[in-house]
Structures are given as C-alpha cells and as structure tokens.
C-alpha cells in the first residue's frame, strides 16, 4: 500500500513539475510573441497591468463609436415615400410616358399604370412603390426631383430620365428638413 501511495505521489509531483515547466515555457513563448508584434498590435501595458487589447483595437473602437453616434444623433433628415413607373430608354419612351401621365389623375390610377407599364419589379409587385427613403438613397436625378420644394406631393411628376430609363414619379408623402 505504501508503494502505491509513493508511486502516486511521484506521478503527482512529476505532473506538477511538467505543468509548471510547460506554463513557464508557454509564458516565455507568449512574452516573446508579444515582443515580436509591432507596438500598435501589442497589448497595452500600464505599469504592471496588461490590458487585453491593442492601441489599434482602441482606435477602431473609438472610430466605430463616433460613426455610430453620428448616425444616431446626426439630426433629422428629409425623407419621402414615392412610387414610380419605369420604361426603357427608347425613342418613343418620353411620348409614351406623357400619354400615360394624361390618364392619371389619382394615386389609384397611378398604381394601376405602374402595374401595367413599369419595367421595374417594384412596379409589377406593388404599384411602383419605392417605400420610404432619404436623400442619397436614389440616383441623383431622382433625388433632385423628389426633394425639390417645387415638386408637389400627390401629383404625377415627369417624365424624368435616369440611367435606368424614363420615369413618372408620384410623391405620396415628403418631409423636407432644412
């Protein structure tokens, strides 16, 4: 019995010794790795305390927080809800849209015309609805027309030419912020 306890003690001591050697050698390896890194990738050290992040990660974190706060606190933006009818840019496209425009005198007729004539998937599925958007989300020509004070809400606007083709636009609602 004494021999078994002696063997167990020896095995335990051997395990403790190898783990301490492994941990000190792994500590040396970690320290060597840390020193091999450029300064901006090393963990931050303040006195005897090592913080588990690098100066580069702190800079990225600060920039991310600033960008998030700018988006959240950037103030109110103009917005609009609009629908459109898109036709291909052909020789008779402008004339075709002008004829369609004469038929439309309310939003229900506009939605019906969008479902019949529009080449845009939004026209077929939802009466040309583009949903709610802010300046910069659409192509510049489109944005300029939608967010222009002269463009009236609840009326057909166009034909307008963009790189997609010719459009008729119906502004359902708009909130202009100066």
N, C-alpha and C. Protein backbone atom coordinates (compact mmCIF):
# COMPACT_ATOMS: atom_id res chain seq x y z
N UNK A 1 0.83 -1.19 0.00
CA UNK A 1 0.00 0.00 0.00
C UNK A 1 0.87 1.25 0.00
N UNK A 2 1.93 1.21 0.82
CA UNK A 2 2.84 2.34 0.89
C UNK A 2 3.48 2.61 -0.46
N UNK A 3 3.82 1.52 -1.21
CA UNK A 3 4.43 1.68 -2.52
C UNK A 3 3.48 2.37 -3.50
N UNK A 4 2.20 2.01 -3.43
CA UNK A 4 1.23 2.64 -4.35
C UNK A 4 1.12 4.12 -4.04
N UNK A 5 1.03 4.49 -2.77
CA UNK A 5 0.96 5.91 -2.40
C UNK A 5 2.23 6.63 -2.82
N UNK A 6 3.36 5.97 -2.67
CA UNK A 6 4.63 6.57 -3.07
C UNK A 6 4.65 6.82 -4.57
N UNK A 7 4.16 5.83 -5.33
CA UNK A 7 4.10 5.99 -6.78
C UNK A 7 3.15 7.11 -7.18
N UNK A 8 2.02 7.18 -6.50
CA UNK A 8 1.05 8.23 -6.82
C UNK A 8 1.65 9.61 -6.49
N UNK A 9 2.34 9.71 -5.38
CA UNK A 9 2.99 10.96 -5.03
C UNK A 9 4.01 11.35 -6.08
N UNK A 10 4.79 10.38 -6.53
CA UNK A 10 5.81 10.65 -7.54
C UNK A 10 5.16 11.10 -8.85
N UNK A 11 4.10 10.42 -9.26
CA UNK A 11 3.38 10.79 -10.50
C UNK A 11 2.79 12.19 -10.36
N UNK A 12 2.19 12.49 -9.21
CA UNK A 12 1.62 13.82 -8.98
C UNK A 12 2.68 14.90 -9.02
N UNK A 13 3.83 14.62 -8.39
CA UNK A 13 4.92 15.60 -8.39
C UNK A 13 5.46 15.80 -9.80
N UNK A 14 5.56 14.70 -10.54
CA UNK A 14 6.03 14.79 -11.92
C UNK A 14 5.07 15.61 -12.77
N UNK A 15 3.79 15.38 -12.62
CA UNK A 15 2.78 16.16 -13.37
C UNK A 15 2.84 17.64 -12.99
N UNK A 16 2.95 17.93 -11.71
CA UNK A 16 3.03 19.32 -11.26
C UNK A 16 4.27 20.00 -11.83
N UNK A 17 5.40 19.29 -11.84
CA UNK A 17 6.64 19.85 -12.36
C UNK A 17 6.53 20.12 -13.87
N UNK A 18 5.99 19.14 -14.61
CA UNK A 18 5.89 19.32 -16.07
C UNK A 18 4.91 20.43 -16.42
N UNK A 19 3.83 20.54 -15.65
CA UNK A 19 2.88 21.61 -15.95
C UNK A 19 3.49 22.98 -15.62
N UNK A 20 4.29 23.07 -14.55
CA UNK A 20 4.92 24.35 -14.23
C UNK A 20 5.98 24.69 -15.27
N UNK A 21 6.69 23.67 -15.74
CA UNK A 21 7.67 23.92 -16.81
C UNK A 21 6.95 24.34 -18.08
N UNK A 22 5.84 23.66 -18.38
CA UNK A 22 5.08 24.00 -19.59
C UNK A 22 4.51 25.40 -19.49
N UNK A 23 4.01 25.75 -18.29
CA UNK A 23 3.42 27.07 -18.16
C UNK A 23 4.49 28.15 -18.22
N UNK A 24 5.65 27.91 -17.63
CA UNK A 24 6.69 28.93 -17.70
C UNK A 24 7.24 29.03 -19.11
N UNK A 25 7.34 27.89 -19.82
CA UNK A 25 7.83 27.97 -21.20
C UNK A 25 6.76 28.59 -22.09
N UNK A 26 5.47 28.29 -21.80
CA UNK A 26 4.43 28.92 -22.61
C UNK A 26 4.37 30.42 -22.29
N UNK A 27 4.65 30.79 -21.02
CA UNK A 27 4.71 32.21 -20.68
C UNK A 27 5.83 32.90 -21.45
N UNK A 28 6.99 32.22 -21.49
CA UNK A 28 8.12 32.77 -22.25
C UNK A 28 7.76 32.90 -23.72
N UNK A 29 7.06 31.92 -24.26
CA UNK A 29 6.65 31.96 -25.66
C UNK A 29 5.68 33.10 -25.90
N UNK A 30 4.71 33.26 -24.99
CA UNK A 30 3.75 34.36 -25.12
C UNK A 30 4.44 35.71 -25.03
N UNK A 31 5.35 35.84 -24.09
CA UNK A 31 6.09 37.10 -23.94
C UNK A 31 6.91 37.38 -25.20
N UNK A 32 7.55 36.34 -25.74
CA UNK A 32 8.34 36.51 -26.95
C UNK A 32 7.45 36.90 -28.13
N UNK A 33 6.28 36.27 -28.21
CA UNK A 33 5.34 36.63 -29.28
C UNK A 33 4.88 38.07 -29.14
N UNK A 34 4.59 38.45 -27.89
CA UNK A 34 4.11 39.81 -27.64
C UNK A 34 5.17 40.83 -28.06
N UNK A 35 6.43 40.56 -27.72
CA UNK A 35 7.51 41.47 -28.07
C UNK A 35 7.78 41.51 -29.57
N UNK A 36 7.47 40.43 -30.27
CA UNK A 36 7.71 40.36 -31.72
C UNK A 36 6.68 41.16 -32.51
N UNK A 37 5.55 41.45 -31.90
CA UNK A 37 4.49 42.20 -32.59
C UNK A 37 4.89 43.67 -32.70
N UNK A 38 4.40 44.36 -33.75
CA UNK A 38 4.59 45.82 -33.81
C UNK A 38 3.89 46.46 -32.61
N UNK A 39 4.34 47.64 -32.20
CA UNK A 39 3.83 48.25 -30.98
C UNK A 39 2.32 48.48 -31.00
N UNK A 40 1.76 48.76 -32.18
CA UNK A 40 0.34 49.07 -32.25
C UNK A 40 -0.53 47.81 -32.18
N UNK A 41 0.08 46.62 -32.23
CA UNK A 41 -0.66 45.37 -32.09
C UNK A 41 -0.42 44.69 -30.74
N UNK A 42 0.48 45.23 -29.93
CA UNK A 42 0.76 44.65 -28.62
C UNK A 42 -0.34 45.03 -27.64
N UNK A 43 -0.52 44.19 -26.62
CA UNK A 43 -1.45 44.54 -25.55
C UNK A 43 -0.93 45.79 -24.85
N UNK A 44 -1.85 46.62 -24.40
CA UNK A 44 -1.48 47.87 -23.72
C UNK A 44 -1.00 47.55 -22.32
N UNK A 45 0.16 48.11 -21.93
CA UNK A 45 0.69 47.91 -20.58
C UNK A 45 0.73 49.25 -19.85
N UNK A 46 0.11 49.25 -18.67
CA UNK A 46 0.13 50.42 -17.80
C UNK A 46 0.72 49.96 -16.49
N UNK A 47 1.99 50.32 -16.24
CA UNK A 47 2.69 49.83 -15.05
C UNK A 47 2.83 48.32 -15.13
N UNK A 48 2.37 47.63 -14.09
CA UNK A 48 2.44 46.17 -14.07
C UNK A 48 1.19 45.53 -14.66
N UNK A 49 0.22 46.34 -15.05
CA UNK A 49 -1.05 45.83 -15.56
C UNK A 49 -1.02 45.76 -17.09
N UNK A 50 -1.46 44.64 -17.61
CA UNK A 50 -1.56 44.47 -19.06
C UNK A 50 -3.04 44.42 -19.43
N UNK A 51 -3.45 45.34 -20.27
CA UNK A 51 -4.83 45.35 -20.76
C UNK A 51 -4.92 44.46 -22.00
N UNK A 52 -5.98 43.67 -22.12
CA UNK A 52 -6.04 42.66 -23.19
C UNK A 52 -6.48 43.21 -24.56
N UNK A 53 -6.05 44.40 -24.89
CA UNK A 53 -6.33 44.93 -26.23
C UNK A 53 -5.21 45.85 -26.66
N UNK A 54 -5.12 46.05 -27.97
CA UNK A 54 -4.01 46.81 -28.54
C UNK A 54 -4.44 48.24 -28.85
N UNK A 55 -3.47 49.13 -29.06
CA UNK A 55 -3.81 50.50 -29.45
C UNK A 55 -4.63 50.54 -30.76
N UNK A 56 -4.33 49.63 -31.67
CA UNK A 56 -5.08 49.59 -32.94
C UNK A 56 -6.55 49.28 -32.68
N UNK A 57 -6.82 48.33 -31.78
CA UNK A 57 -8.22 47.99 -31.50
C UNK A 57 -8.92 49.13 -30.78
N UNK A 58 -8.20 49.89 -29.95
CA UNK A 58 -8.79 51.05 -29.28
C UNK A 58 -9.17 52.11 -30.30
N UNK A 59 -8.30 52.37 -31.27
CA UNK A 59 -8.59 53.37 -32.31
C UNK A 59 -9.80 52.94 -33.13
N UNK A 60 -9.86 51.67 -33.52
CA UNK A 60 -11.00 51.16 -34.28
C UNK A 60 -12.29 51.28 -33.47
N UNK A 61 -12.22 50.98 -32.19
CA UNK A 61 -13.39 51.09 -31.33
C UNK A 61 -13.86 52.55 -31.24
N UNK A 62 -12.95 53.48 -31.07
CA UNK A 62 -13.31 54.91 -30.97
C UNK A 62 -13.94 55.38 -32.27
N UNK A 63 -13.35 55.03 -33.41
CA UNK A 63 -13.91 55.43 -34.70
C UNK A 63 -15.31 54.84 -34.88
N UNK A 64 -15.51 53.59 -34.51
CA UNK A 64 -16.82 52.96 -34.62
C UNK A 64 -17.86 53.67 -33.76
N UNK A 65 -17.48 54.04 -32.55
CA UNK A 65 -18.41 54.74 -31.66
C UNK A 65 -18.76 56.11 -32.23
N UNK A 66 -17.78 56.82 -32.76
CA UNK A 66 -18.04 58.13 -33.36
C UNK A 66 -18.99 58.00 -34.54
N UNK A 67 -18.77 57.01 -35.40
CA UNK A 67 -19.65 56.82 -36.56
C UNK A 67 -21.06 56.46 -36.12
N UNK A 68 -21.18 55.61 -35.12
CA UNK A 68 -22.49 55.22 -34.62
C UNK A 68 -23.23 56.42 -34.04
N UNK A 69 -22.53 57.23 -33.24
CA UNK A 69 -23.16 58.41 -32.66
C UNK A 69 -23.56 59.43 -33.72
N UNK A 70 -22.73 59.57 -34.76
CA UNK A 70 -23.09 60.49 -35.85
C UNK A 70 -24.37 60.05 -36.52
N UNK A 71 -24.51 58.75 -36.75
CA UNK A 71 -25.73 58.26 -37.38
C UNK A 71 -26.93 58.40 -36.48
N UNK A 72 -26.76 58.11 -35.20
CA UNK A 72 -27.87 58.19 -34.27
C UNK A 72 -28.26 59.62 -33.92
N UNK A 73 -27.25 60.48 -33.75
CA UNK A 73 -27.50 61.84 -33.31
C UNK A 73 -27.29 62.88 -34.41
N UNK A 74 -27.19 62.41 -35.63
CA UNK A 74 -26.89 63.30 -36.76
C UNK A 74 -27.98 64.31 -37.06
N UNK A 75 -29.07 64.21 -36.37
CA UNK A 75 -30.15 65.14 -36.60
C UNK A 75 -31.15 64.60 -37.60
N UNK A 76 -32.25 65.28 -37.72
CA UNK A 76 -33.29 64.82 -38.63
C UNK A 76 -32.87 64.99 -40.09
N UNK A 77 -33.36 64.09 -40.91
CA UNK A 77 -33.08 64.15 -42.34
C UNK A 77 -34.40 64.22 -43.08
N UNK A 78 -34.34 64.78 -44.27
CA UNK A 78 -35.51 64.76 -45.12
C UNK A 78 -35.83 63.33 -45.49
N UNK A 79 -37.10 63.05 -45.73
CA UNK A 79 -37.50 61.72 -46.16
C UNK A 79 -38.70 61.83 -47.08
N UNK A 80 -38.92 60.79 -47.85
CA UNK A 80 -40.05 60.78 -48.76
C UNK A 80 -40.53 59.36 -48.97
N UNK A 81 -41.79 59.24 -49.32
CA UNK A 81 -42.38 57.98 -49.76
C UNK A 81 -42.89 58.25 -51.16
N UNK A 82 -42.43 57.44 -52.11
CA UNK A 82 -42.80 57.70 -53.51
C UNK A 82 -42.97 56.39 -54.27
N UNK A 83 -43.63 56.52 -55.41
CA UNK A 83 -43.79 55.41 -56.35
C UNK A 83 -43.36 55.90 -57.71
N UNK A 84 -43.07 54.95 -58.61
CA UNK A 84 -42.64 55.36 -59.95
C UNK A 84 -43.06 54.34 -60.99
N UNK A 85 -43.07 54.82 -62.23
CA UNK A 85 -43.27 53.96 -63.39
C UNK A 85 -42.01 54.11 -64.22
N UNK A 86 -41.39 53.00 -64.56
CA UNK A 86 -40.15 53.00 -65.32
C UNK A 86 -40.39 52.35 -66.67
N UNK A 87 -39.96 53.03 -67.73
CA UNK A 87 -39.97 52.43 -69.07
C UNK A 87 -38.56 52.52 -69.63
N UNK A 88 -38.25 51.62 -70.56
CA UNK A 88 -36.93 51.61 -71.17
C UNK A 88 -36.66 52.90 -71.93
N UNK A 89 -35.38 53.24 -72.03
CA UNK A 89 -34.95 54.46 -72.72
C UNK A 89 -34.95 54.21 -74.23
N UNK A 90 -36.12 54.40 -74.83
CA UNK A 90 -36.26 54.25 -76.28
C UNK A 90 -36.65 55.58 -76.88
N UNK A 91 -36.77 55.62 -78.21
CA UNK A 91 -37.12 56.89 -78.88
C UNK A 91 -38.50 57.38 -78.48
N UNK A 92 -39.43 56.47 -78.31
CA UNK A 92 -40.81 56.89 -78.01
C UNK A 92 -41.15 56.81 -76.52
N UNK A 93 -40.18 56.57 -75.66
CA UNK A 93 -40.44 56.42 -74.22
C UNK A 93 -41.02 57.68 -73.61
N UNK A 94 -40.46 58.81 -73.94
CA UNK A 94 -40.93 60.08 -73.36
C UNK A 94 -42.37 60.35 -73.79
N UNK A 95 -42.67 60.10 -75.06
CA UNK A 95 -44.03 60.31 -75.58
C UNK A 95 -45.01 59.33 -74.92
N UNK A 96 -44.58 58.09 -74.73
CA UNK A 96 -45.42 57.08 -74.10
C UNK A 96 -45.76 57.48 -72.66
N UNK A 97 -44.75 57.95 -71.91
CA UNK A 97 -45.00 58.38 -70.52
C UNK A 97 -45.86 59.64 -70.46
N UNK A 98 -45.69 60.53 -71.41
CA UNK A 98 -46.52 61.73 -71.44
C UNK A 98 -47.98 61.34 -71.66
N UNK A 99 -48.24 60.36 -72.52
CA UNK A 99 -49.60 59.88 -72.75
C UNK A 99 -50.15 59.19 -71.50
N UNK A 100 -49.34 58.40 -70.84
CA UNK A 100 -49.76 57.73 -69.60
C UNK A 100 -50.07 58.77 -68.52
N UNK A 101 -49.24 59.80 -68.45
CA UNK A 101 -49.41 60.86 -67.44
C UNK A 101 -50.77 61.54 -67.58
N UNK A 102 -51.24 61.70 -68.82
CA UNK A 102 -52.54 62.35 -69.04
C UNK A 102 -53.70 61.51 -68.52
N UNK A 103 -53.53 60.18 -68.48
CA UNK A 103 -54.57 59.28 -67.99
C UNK A 103 -54.68 59.29 -66.47
N UNK A 104 -53.61 59.68 -65.79
CA UNK A 104 -53.54 59.55 -64.33
C UNK A 104 -53.98 60.84 -63.66
N UNK A 105 -55.00 60.71 -62.79
CA UNK A 105 -55.42 61.88 -62.02
C UNK A 105 -55.52 61.57 -60.52
N UNK A 106 -55.28 60.33 -60.15
CA UNK A 106 -55.21 59.99 -58.72
C UNK A 106 -54.24 58.83 -58.51
N UNK A 107 -53.95 58.55 -57.26
CA UNK A 107 -52.91 57.57 -56.93
C UNK A 107 -53.33 56.14 -57.31
N UNK A 108 -54.61 55.85 -57.23
CA UNK A 108 -55.08 54.51 -57.62
C UNK A 108 -54.79 54.24 -59.10
N UNK A 109 -55.05 55.23 -59.94
CA UNK A 109 -54.76 55.08 -61.37
C UNK A 109 -53.25 55.00 -61.61
N UNK A 110 -52.47 55.72 -60.81
CA UNK A 110 -51.02 55.66 -60.95
C UNK A 110 -50.53 54.24 -60.65
N UNK A 111 -51.03 53.66 -59.55
CA UNK A 111 -50.62 52.30 -59.19
C UNK A 111 -51.01 51.29 -60.28
N UNK A 112 -52.19 51.46 -60.85
CA UNK A 112 -52.63 50.57 -61.92
C UNK A 112 -51.74 50.71 -63.15
N UNK A 113 -51.39 51.95 -63.49
CA UNK A 113 -50.50 52.19 -64.63
C UNK A 113 -49.11 51.61 -64.37
N UNK A 114 -48.65 51.69 -63.13
CA UNK A 114 -47.34 51.13 -62.78
C UNK A 114 -47.35 49.61 -62.98
N UNK A 115 -48.43 48.97 -62.58
CA UNK A 115 -48.52 47.52 -62.75
C UNK A 115 -48.59 47.12 -64.22
N UNK A 116 -49.21 47.96 -65.05
CA UNK A 116 -49.33 47.65 -66.47
C UNK A 116 -48.08 47.97 -67.27
N UNK A 117 -47.46 49.13 -67.02
CA UNK A 117 -46.42 49.63 -67.91
C UNK A 117 -44.99 49.55 -67.38
N UNK A 118 -44.81 49.53 -66.06
CA UNK A 118 -43.47 49.66 -65.50
C UNK A 118 -42.61 48.44 -65.77
N UNK A 119 -41.34 48.69 -66.08
CA UNK A 119 -40.35 47.63 -66.29
C UNK A 119 -39.63 47.29 -64.99
N UNK A 120 -39.86 48.07 -63.94
CA UNK A 120 -39.22 47.84 -62.65
C UNK A 120 -39.99 46.78 -61.87
N UNK A 121 -39.30 45.86 -61.19
CA UNK A 121 -40.00 44.85 -60.39
C UNK A 121 -40.94 45.45 -59.34
N UNK A 122 -40.59 46.61 -58.80
CA UNK A 122 -41.47 47.25 -57.81
C UNK A 122 -42.78 47.68 -58.45
N UNK A 123 -42.74 47.98 -59.73
CA UNK A 123 -43.96 48.39 -60.44
C UNK A 123 -44.94 47.25 -60.56
N UNK A 124 -44.44 46.09 -60.89
CA UNK A 124 -45.31 44.94 -61.06
C UNK A 124 -45.87 44.45 -59.72
N UNK A 125 -45.04 44.43 -58.72
CA UNK A 125 -45.42 43.84 -57.44
C UNK A 125 -46.26 44.77 -56.57
N UNK A 126 -45.88 46.04 -56.51
CA UNK A 126 -46.53 46.91 -55.51
C UNK A 126 -46.96 48.25 -56.07
N UNK A 127 -47.31 48.28 -57.31
CA UNK A 127 -47.79 49.54 -57.88
C UNK A 127 -46.72 50.61 -57.97
N UNK A 128 -45.48 50.20 -58.11
CA UNK A 128 -44.38 51.14 -58.27
C UNK A 128 -43.80 51.68 -56.98
N UNK A 129 -44.25 51.18 -55.85
CA UNK A 129 -43.82 51.72 -54.56
C UNK A 129 -42.32 51.54 -54.35
N UNK A 130 -41.67 52.62 -53.93
CA UNK A 130 -40.25 52.60 -53.59
C UNK A 130 -40.05 52.62 -52.08
N UNK A 131 -41.14 52.75 -51.34
CA UNK A 131 -41.05 52.81 -49.89
C UNK A 131 -40.53 54.16 -49.42
N UNK A 132 -40.09 54.19 -48.18
CA UNK A 132 -39.57 55.42 -47.59
C UNK A 132 -38.06 55.49 -47.79
N UNK A 133 -37.55 56.64 -48.16
CA UNK A 133 -36.11 56.80 -48.37
C UNK A 133 -35.70 58.23 -48.05
N UNK A 134 -34.39 58.41 -47.91
CA UNK A 134 -33.82 59.72 -47.60
C UNK A 134 -32.92 60.15 -48.75
N UNK A 135 -32.52 61.43 -48.79
CA UNK A 135 -31.63 61.88 -49.87
C UNK A 135 -30.35 61.05 -49.92
N UNK A 136 -29.94 60.72 -51.13
CA UNK A 136 -28.73 59.94 -51.33
C UNK A 136 -28.99 58.46 -51.54
N UNK A 137 -30.21 58.02 -51.29
CA UNK A 137 -30.51 56.60 -51.46
C UNK A 137 -30.91 56.27 -52.91
N UNK A 138 -31.32 57.26 -53.65
CA UNK A 138 -31.70 57.06 -55.06
C UNK A 138 -30.66 57.73 -55.95
N UNK A 139 -30.77 57.52 -57.26
CA UNK A 139 -29.85 58.18 -58.19
C UNK A 139 -30.04 59.69 -58.08
N UNK A 140 -28.99 60.48 -58.31
CA UNK A 140 -29.04 61.93 -58.08
C UNK A 140 -30.19 62.65 -58.79
N UNK A 141 -30.47 62.31 -60.03
CA UNK A 141 -31.55 62.99 -60.77
C UNK A 141 -32.89 62.74 -60.07
N UNK A 142 -33.10 61.52 -59.66
CA UNK A 142 -34.33 61.13 -58.98
C UNK A 142 -34.45 61.88 -57.65
N UNK A 143 -33.36 61.88 -56.88
CA UNK A 143 -33.34 62.60 -55.59
C UNK A 143 -33.66 64.08 -55.78
N UNK A 144 -33.04 64.67 -56.80
CA UNK A 144 -33.23 66.11 -57.03
C UNK A 144 -34.70 66.43 -57.25
N UNK A 145 -35.38 65.60 -58.02
CA UNK A 145 -36.80 65.83 -58.30
C UNK A 145 -37.65 65.59 -57.05
N UNK A 146 -37.41 64.51 -56.37
CA UNK A 146 -38.23 64.16 -55.20
C UNK A 146 -38.09 65.19 -54.08
N UNK A 147 -36.87 65.65 -53.81
CA UNK A 147 -36.63 66.54 -52.68
C UNK A 147 -36.60 68.02 -53.07
N UNK A 148 -37.05 68.33 -54.26
CA UNK A 148 -37.18 69.72 -54.70
C UNK A 148 -38.48 70.30 -54.14
N UNK A 149 -38.40 71.50 -53.57
CA UNK A 149 -39.60 72.14 -52.99
C UNK A 149 -40.68 72.38 -54.04
N UNK A 150 -40.26 72.55 -55.28
CA UNK A 150 -41.22 72.83 -56.36
C UNK A 150 -42.02 71.59 -56.76
N UNK A 151 -41.49 70.41 -56.52
CA UNK A 151 -42.21 69.17 -56.85
C UNK A 151 -43.33 68.98 -55.85
N UNK A 152 -44.55 68.81 -56.34
CA UNK A 152 -45.71 68.75 -55.47
C UNK A 152 -46.05 67.32 -55.08
N UNK A 153 -46.44 67.18 -53.82
CA UNK A 153 -46.88 65.88 -53.30
C UNK A 153 -48.28 65.60 -53.84
N UNK A 154 -48.52 64.34 -54.26
CA UNK A 154 -49.84 63.96 -54.73
C UNK A 154 -50.11 64.28 -56.18
N UNK A 155 -49.06 64.51 -56.95
CA UNK A 155 -49.21 64.77 -58.39
C UNK A 155 -48.17 63.96 -59.16
N UNK A 156 -48.48 63.72 -60.43
CA UNK A 156 -47.53 63.00 -61.28
C UNK A 156 -46.43 63.96 -61.71
N UNK A 157 -45.19 63.51 -61.57
CA UNK A 157 -44.02 64.31 -61.96
C UNK A 157 -43.28 63.54 -63.05
N UNK A 158 -42.89 64.25 -64.08
CA UNK A 158 -42.08 63.60 -65.12
C UNK A 158 -42.66 63.82 -66.50
N UNK A 159 -42.10 63.16 -67.44
CA UNK A 159 -41.08 62.12 -67.42
C UNK A 159 -39.69 62.65 -67.04
N UNK A 160 -38.99 61.84 -66.26
CA UNK A 160 -37.63 62.13 -65.80
C UNK A 160 -36.72 61.05 -66.37
N UNK A 161 -35.58 61.46 -66.90
CA UNK A 161 -34.64 60.49 -67.47
C UNK A 161 -33.51 60.20 -66.48
N UNK A 162 -33.25 58.91 -66.22
CA UNK A 162 -32.10 58.47 -65.42
C UNK A 162 -31.34 57.42 -66.24
N UNK A 163 -30.30 56.88 -65.66
CA UNK A 163 -29.54 55.84 -66.37
C UNK A 163 -30.33 54.53 -66.49
N UNK A 164 -31.47 54.40 -65.79
CA UNK A 164 -32.31 53.21 -65.88
C UNK A 164 -33.35 53.32 -66.99
N UNK A 165 -33.68 54.54 -67.38
CA UNK A 165 -34.72 54.79 -68.37
C UNK A 165 -35.50 56.03 -68.00
N UNK A 166 -36.75 56.09 -68.47
CA UNK A 166 -37.62 57.23 -68.16
C UNK A 166 -38.60 56.85 -67.05
N UNK A 167 -38.88 57.82 -66.17
CA UNK A 167 -39.76 57.59 -65.02
C UNK A 167 -40.89 58.61 -64.98
N UNK A 168 -42.03 58.15 -64.46
CA UNK A 168 -43.05 59.03 -63.92
C UNK A 168 -43.01 58.79 -62.42
N UNK A 169 -43.12 59.85 -61.65
CA UNK A 169 -42.98 59.74 -60.19
C UNK A 169 -44.23 60.30 -59.51
N UNK A 170 -44.65 59.63 -58.46
CA UNK A 170 -45.74 60.11 -57.61
C UNK A 170 -45.20 60.16 -56.19
N UNK A 171 -45.12 61.37 -55.63
CA UNK A 171 -44.66 61.53 -54.25
C UNK A 171 -45.88 61.39 -53.34
N UNK A 172 -45.88 60.33 -52.53
CA UNK A 172 -47.00 60.08 -51.63
C UNK A 172 -46.92 60.97 -50.40
N UNK A 173 -45.74 61.04 -49.80
CA UNK A 173 -45.50 61.93 -48.66
C UNK A 173 -44.05 62.36 -48.67
N UNK A 174 -43.82 63.53 -48.10
CA UNK A 174 -42.45 64.04 -48.06
C UNK A 174 -42.28 64.93 -46.84
N UNK A 175 -41.16 64.78 -46.18
CA UNK A 175 -40.81 65.61 -45.02
C UNK A 175 -39.49 66.27 -45.33
N UNK A 176 -39.51 67.56 -45.68
CA UNK A 176 -38.30 68.28 -46.01
C UNK A 176 -37.73 68.94 -44.76
N UNK A 177 -36.48 68.67 -44.48
CA UNK A 177 -35.80 69.27 -43.33
C UNK A 177 -34.69 70.14 -43.88
N UNK A 178 -34.67 71.37 -43.46
CA UNK A 178 -33.65 72.32 -43.94
C UNK A 178 -32.33 72.07 -43.28
